[in-house]
Amino acid sequence: MPDPLLEIADDLYALPLADFTPARDALAKEHKADKALAASVKGLRKASVAAWVVNLLVRRDPDQVDQVLAVGAALRDAQDNLDATQLREFTKQRRQLTASVTTAARRMAREEGVKTTQAVADQIEATLTAAMLEPDAAKAVRSGMLVTSLAATGLGDLDLSAAVAVPKALGFSAKPRPVAAPDPTQRPQLHVVPDPDADKKARAAADERLADARVVLTESEKEHRSARRAVEKLRAKTLQLQAEIDELRSKIAELEAEVEEVDEELGEAEAAQVEAEEAVAEAQAEVDEARAARDRL
């Protein structure tokens, strides 16, 4: 028997991002007779922009997502038998594939009226990469119920407890929802109907946009802080190394001066040695001459 929460979540996470919260709250009220289910529905978290784009991709183009996951599985199986050159080539191909699919996902989001920043694009690509590296991450992506982006190293250290809407989402496959092609034989019937809740909806949409922008800002500030810390650390390391270089240069200068002094002393010592050798030779000659004179007596 299908899990009603999974069915409800599948429909909710297929909605436009701005429609999620009001639709979730309405469904929670609709199922208030089942208190446990209503509470679970009410507890479903809104997806981040990056997670929503990946969920959209899974439903709009499941074949492309299946291709990404299949390539990832093949790479994992072959990884132990690859040499370094092959592994680098496969890694390059994996990055090209995730970059291409990320571009397609951003285009789908744009068609839905959602613009993605480069920071969000990086999170989308990181999520696809995680799905290729980790089997459980692949299941999370295929569920179409991501609430946050993923990042993995391929070492099995990925924590998915907060990444999907409900724990049972792992193993669930999102229902494909391709965009219906327009019927060229049908002319659209346009009716201008005033919306009595237009102002309220506009305000809600503005609030949603502000909330999303704040999320992106928070993530960007976090990345900026991380980059700034890296720069400061490297600057400190540069100063330390420069100080060590200066110290070594000073030591070299001292040693060169000492070498010059020793060279001068060596020259003087060698001259004294020559004089001493000459004195020894003269003394030896005198001894030889005295011995000869004695022998003649």
Protein backbone atom coordinates (compact mmCIF):
# COMPACT_ATOMS: atom_id res chain seq x y z
CA MET A 1 0.00 0.00 0.00
CA PRO A 2 1.50 3.39 -1.01
CA ASP A 3 2.67 5.62 1.81
CA PRO A 4 0.27 8.62 1.83
CA LEU A 5 2.99 10.94 3.12
CA LEU A 6 5.31 10.01 0.24
CA GLU A 7 2.50 10.54 -2.27
CA ILE A 8 1.69 13.96 -0.80
CA ALA A 9 5.37 14.91 -0.65
CA ASP A 10 5.89 13.83 -4.25
CA ASP A 11 3.15 16.24 -5.35
CA LEU A 12 4.34 19.06 -3.10
CA TYR A 13 7.98 18.98 -4.21
CA ALA A 14 6.86 19.05 -7.83
CA LEU A 15 5.24 22.46 -7.33
CA PRO A 16 6.78 25.84 -8.18
CA LEU A 17 8.97 26.99 -5.33
CA ALA A 18 6.73 29.91 -4.38
CA ASP A 19 3.65 27.63 -4.16
CA PHE A 20 5.15 25.11 -1.76
CA THR A 21 4.37 26.69 1.62
CA PRO A 22 0.71 27.62 1.00
CA ALA A 23 0.03 24.24 -0.65
CA ARG A 24 1.68 22.37 2.23
CA ASP A 25 -0.32 24.26 4.85
CA ALA A 26 -3.55 23.66 2.91
CA LEU A 27 -2.85 19.93 2.68
CA ALA A 28 -2.06 19.75 6.39
CA LYS A 29 -5.50 21.24 7.11
CA GLU A 30 -7.12 18.92 4.58
CA HIS A 31 -5.76 15.86 6.44
CA LYS A 32 -6.44 17.17 9.94
CA ALA A 33 -8.60 14.13 10.67
CA ASP A 34 -5.39 12.09 10.66
CA LYS A 35 -3.38 14.04 13.21
CA ALA A 36 -0.16 12.13 12.66
CA LEU A 37 -0.29 12.57 8.89
CA ALA A 38 -1.28 16.23 9.20
CA ALA A 39 1.66 16.88 11.53
CA SER A 40 4.04 15.10 9.16
CA VAL A 41 2.78 17.14 6.20
CA LYS A 42 3.07 20.37 8.18
CA GLY A 43 6.65 19.42 9.06
CA LEU A 44 7.77 19.11 5.44
CA ARG A 45 10.51 21.66 4.81
CA LYS A 46 10.71 23.93 1.83
CA ALA A 47 13.56 23.05 -0.51
CA SER A 48 16.50 25.36 -1.07
CA VAL A 49 16.74 26.84 -4.55
CA ALA A 50 19.46 24.38 -5.59
CA ALA A 51 17.52 21.38 -4.22
CA TRP A 52 14.33 22.58 -5.93
CA VAL A 53 16.15 22.82 -9.29
CA VAL A 54 17.48 19.26 -8.92
CA ASN A 55 13.97 18.05 -7.99
CA LEU A 56 12.64 19.82 -11.09
CA LEU A 57 15.28 18.15 -13.26
CA VAL A 58 14.38 14.71 -11.88
CA ARG A 59 10.73 15.16 -12.83
CA ARG A 60 11.21 17.00 -16.13
CA ASP A 61 13.98 14.84 -17.57
CA PRO A 62 14.26 11.58 -15.59
CA ASP A 63 16.10 9.87 -18.48
CA GLN A 64 18.96 12.35 -18.25
CA VAL A 65 19.13 11.91 -14.48
CA ASP A 66 19.13 8.11 -14.90
CA GLN A 67 22.03 8.49 -17.33
CA VAL A 68 24.00 10.52 -14.77
CA LEU A 69 23.33 7.95 -12.06
CA ALA A 70 24.19 5.03 -14.37
CA VAL A 71 27.51 6.62 -15.33
CA GLY A 72 28.23 7.19 -11.65
CA ALA A 73 27.50 3.54 -10.82
CA ALA A 74 29.75 2.37 -13.66
CA LEU A 75 32.58 4.63 -12.48
CA ARG A 76 32.26 3.35 -8.92
CA ASP A 77 32.41 -0.26 -10.14
CA ALA A 78 35.42 0.40 -12.36
CA GLN A 79 37.30 2.66 -9.96
CA ASP A 80 39.31 -0.07 -8.24
CA ASN A 81 40.61 -1.41 -11.56
CA LEU A 82 41.59 1.92 -13.15
CA ASP A 83 45.12 3.24 -13.36
CA ALA A 84 45.85 6.89 -12.58
CA THR A 85 45.59 8.03 -16.22
CA GLN A 86 42.22 6.33 -16.79
CA LEU A 87 40.90 7.63 -13.49
CA ARG A 88 41.83 11.23 -14.41
CA GLU A 89 40.11 10.84 -17.79
CA PHE A 90 36.93 9.44 -16.22
CA THR A 91 36.95 12.23 -13.63
CA LYS A 92 37.20 14.78 -16.44
CA GLN A 93 34.27 13.15 -18.27
CA ARG A 94 32.24 13.11 -15.05
CA ARG A 95 32.80 16.84 -14.55
CA GLN A 96 31.84 17.57 -18.16
CA LEU A 97 28.63 15.56 -17.74
CA THR A 98 27.61 17.22 -14.47
CA ALA A 99 28.38 20.67 -15.90
CA SER A 100 26.23 19.94 -18.98
CA VAL A 101 23.32 18.62 -16.92
CA THR A 102 23.59 21.59 -14.54
CA THR A 103 23.25 23.95 -17.50
CA ALA A 104 20.12 22.08 -18.63
CA ALA A 105 18.67 22.21 -15.10
CA ARG A 106 19.25 25.97 -14.88
CA ARG A 107 17.48 26.41 -18.19
CA MET A 108 14.45 24.48 -16.87
CA ALA A 109 14.41 26.67 -13.77
CA ARG A 110 14.58 29.79 -15.91
CA GLU A 111 11.56 28.55 -17.88
CA GLU A 112 9.76 28.34 -14.53
CA GLY A 113 10.69 31.95 -13.78
CA VAL A 114 13.47 31.10 -11.31
CA LYS A 115 16.91 32.59 -11.95
CA THR A 116 19.87 30.77 -10.44
CA THR A 117 23.10 32.41 -9.32
CA GLN A 118 26.53 30.89 -9.88
CA ALA A 119 26.58 29.87 -6.21
CA VAL A 120 23.34 27.94 -6.71
CA ALA A 121 24.72 26.41 -9.93
CA ASP A 122 27.77 25.20 -8.00
CA GLN A 123 25.48 23.55 -5.44
CA ILE A 124 23.47 21.85 -8.21
CA GLU A 125 26.65 20.48 -9.78
CA ALA A 126 27.95 19.37 -6.37
CA THR A 127 24.67 17.51 -5.78
CA LEU A 128 24.91 15.70 -9.12
CA THR A 129 28.54 14.84 -8.38
CA ALA A 130 27.54 13.45 -4.98
CA ALA A 131 24.89 11.30 -6.68
CA MET A 132 27.60 9.86 -8.94
CA LEU A 133 30.01 9.20 -6.06
CA GLU A 134 27.61 7.85 -3.40
CA PRO A 135 24.82 5.27 -3.95
CA ASP A 136 22.67 6.75 -1.16
CA ALA A 137 23.07 10.23 -2.62
CA ALA A 138 21.85 8.81 -5.94
CA LYS A 139 18.74 7.52 -4.17
CA ALA A 140 18.20 10.91 -2.53
CA VAL A 141 18.39 12.70 -5.88
CA ARG A 142 16.13 10.17 -7.61
CA SER A 143 13.47 10.66 -4.92
CA GLY A 144 12.84 14.22 -6.10
CA MET A 145 12.42 15.22 -2.45
CA LEU A 146 15.69 16.97 -1.73
CA VAL A 147 15.41 19.90 0.66
CA THR A 148 19.06 20.88 0.54
CA SER A 149 22.01 20.43 -1.79
CA LEU A 150 24.52 17.60 -1.34
CA ALA A 151 28.30 17.44 -1.26
CA ALA A 152 30.33 14.23 -1.10
CA THR A 153 33.96 13.12 -1.27
CA GLY A 154 33.30 9.55 -2.40
CA LEU A 155 34.53 8.17 0.93
CA GLY A 156 31.10 7.17 2.23
CA ASP A 157 30.95 10.02 4.75
CA LEU A 158 27.79 11.68 3.43
CA ASP A 159 25.05 12.39 5.99
CA LEU A 160 21.61 12.34 4.32
CA SER A 161 19.52 12.64 7.47
CA ALA A 162 18.60 16.26 6.77
CA ALA A 163 18.90 16.22 2.99
CA VAL A 164 15.54 14.66 2.08
CA ALA A 165 12.02 15.59 3.10
CA VAL A 166 11.29 12.27 4.82
CA PRO A 167 13.61 9.33 5.60
CA LYS A 168 11.51 6.95 3.48
CA ALA A 169 12.26 9.10 0.42
CA LEU A 170 15.45 7.08 -0.07
CA GLY A 171 14.38 4.37 -2.49
CA PHE A 172 11.36 6.34 -3.74
CA SER A 173 11.37 7.50 -7.37
CA ALA A 174 9.74 10.81 -8.18
CA LYS A 175 6.88 10.70 -10.63
CA PRO A 176 7.94 12.09 -14.04
CA ARG A 177 6.13 15.31 -14.89
CA PRO A 178 7.28 16.43 -18.34
CA VAL A 179 6.02 19.73 -19.74
CA ALA A 180 3.12 19.12 -22.10
CA ALA A 181 3.84 20.34 -25.62
CA PRO A 182 1.42 23.05 -26.76
CA ASP A 183 -1.29 22.04 -29.25
CA PRO A 184 -0.72 24.21 -32.35
CA THR A 185 -4.32 23.65 -33.48
CA GLN A 186 -5.73 25.20 -30.34
CA ARG A 187 -5.83 28.95 -29.98
CA PRO A 188 -5.57 30.10 -26.39
CA GLN A 189 -8.69 31.57 -24.87
CA LEU A 190 -7.65 34.61 -22.89
CA HIS A 191 -9.86 35.88 -20.12
CA VAL A 192 -8.93 38.67 -17.80
CA VAL A 193 -10.30 37.71 -14.41
CA PRO A 194 -9.46 39.96 -11.50
CA ASP A 195 -7.91 38.10 -8.62
CA PRO A 196 -9.28 39.31 -5.29
CA ASP A 197 -6.21 37.92 -3.55
CA ALA A 198 -3.73 39.43 -5.99
CA ASP A 199 -2.18 41.75 -3.43
CA LYS A 200 -1.91 39.02 -0.85
CA LYS A 201 -0.33 36.62 -3.33
CA ALA A 202 2.05 39.29 -4.56
CA ARG A 203 3.07 39.96 -0.97
CA ALA A 204 3.56 36.23 -0.34
CA ALA A 205 5.60 35.90 -3.54
CA ALA A 206 7.71 38.88 -2.50
CA ASP A 207 8.25 37.32 0.93
CA GLU A 208 9.26 34.04 -0.70
CA ARG A 209 11.68 35.83 -3.03
CA LEU A 210 13.16 37.75 -0.10
CA ALA A 211 13.58 34.54 1.89
CA ASP A 212 15.28 32.83 -1.05
CA ALA A 213 17.53 35.84 -1.60
CA ARG A 214 18.49 35.77 2.08
CA VAL A 215 19.39 32.09 1.79
CA VAL A 216 21.59 32.81 -1.21
CA LEU A 217 23.11 35.80 0.63
CA THR A 218 23.84 33.66 3.69
CA GLU A 219 25.49 30.99 1.55
CA SER A 220 27.48 33.59 -0.38
CA GLU A 221 28.62 35.27 2.86
CA LYS A 222 29.68 31.89 4.21
CA GLU A 223 31.72 31.23 1.07
CA HIS A 224 33.20 34.73 1.30
CA ARG A 225 34.22 34.20 4.93
CA SER A 226 35.82 30.89 4.03
CA ALA A 227 37.71 32.47 1.13
CA ARG A 228 38.81 35.38 3.32
CA ARG A 229 40.12 33.01 5.99
CA ALA A 230 42.06 31.10 3.32
CA VAL A 231 43.57 34.34 2.02
CA GLU A 232 44.52 35.49 5.53
CA LYS A 233 46.09 32.13 6.30
CA LEU A 234 48.13 32.16 3.10
CA ARG A 235 49.20 35.77 3.67
CA ALA A 236 50.41 34.84 7.16
CA LYS A 237 52.28 31.86 5.72
CA THR A 238 53.86 34.13 3.08
CA LEU A 239 55.04 36.56 5.77
CA GLN A 240 56.44 33.71 7.83
CA LEU A 241 58.34 32.26 4.86
CA GLN A 242 59.63 35.72 3.89
CA ALA A 243 60.90 36.23 7.45
CA GLU A 244 62.66 32.87 7.29
CA ILE A 245 64.20 33.82 3.92
CA ASP A 246 65.42 37.15 5.36
CA GLU A 247 66.90 35.35 8.34
CA LEU A 248 68.69 32.87 6.07
CA ARG A 249 70.00 35.70 3.87
CA SER A 250 71.37 37.45 6.98
CA LYS A 251 73.02 34.22 8.08
CA ILE A 252 74.53 33.74 4.60
CA ALA A 253 75.92 37.31 4.73
CA GLU A 254 77.48 36.61 8.13
CA LEU A 255 79.01 33.36 6.90
CA GLU A 256 80.40 35.05 3.76
CA ALA A 257 82.04 37.74 5.93
CA GLU A 258 83.47 35.02 8.16
CA VAL A 259 84.80 33.17 5.09
CA GLU A 260 86.60 36.36 3.98
CA GLU A 261 88.20 36.73 7.44
CA VAL A 262 89.30 33.11 7.46
CA ASP A 263 90.71 33.49 3.94
CA GLU A 264 92.83 36.44 5.13
CA GLU A 265 94.05 34.46 8.16
CA LEU A 266 94.76 31.49 5.91
CA GLY A 267 96.91 33.69 3.64
CA GLU A 268 98.88 34.98 6.60
CA ALA A 269 99.30 31.47 8.00
CA GLU A 270 100.49 30.13 4.64
CA ALA A 271 103.07 32.99 4.41
CA ALA A 272 104.29 32.21 7.93
CA GLN A 273 104.54 28.55 6.97
CA VAL A 274 106.74 29.41 3.98
CA GLU A 275 109.01 31.58 6.19
CA ALA A 276 109.24 28.79 8.75
CA GLU A 277 110.14 26.27 6.05
CA GLU A 278 112.88 28.61 4.76
CA ALA A 279 114.24 29.03 8.31
CA VAL A 280 114.28 25.26 8.78
CA ALA A 281 116.13 24.86 5.49
CA GLU A 282 118.74 27.46 6.48
CA ALA A 283 119.20 25.87 9.90
CA GLN A 284 119.59 22.42 8.33
CA ALA A 285 122.20 23.80 5.93
CA GLU A 286 124.10 25.32 8.85
CA VAL A 287 124.00 21.99 10.70
CA ASP A 288 125.25 20.14 7.64
CA GLU A 289 128.10 22.62 7.15
CA ALA A 290 129.13 22.42 10.85
CA ARG A 291 129.10 18.62 10.73
CA ALA A 292 131.29 18.64 7.63
CA ALA A 293 133.77 21.04 9.25
CA ARG A 294 134.05 18.81 12.31
CA ASP A 295 134.61 15.75 10.19
CA ARG A 296 137.53 17.46 8.45
CA LEU A 297 139.41 17.88 11.75
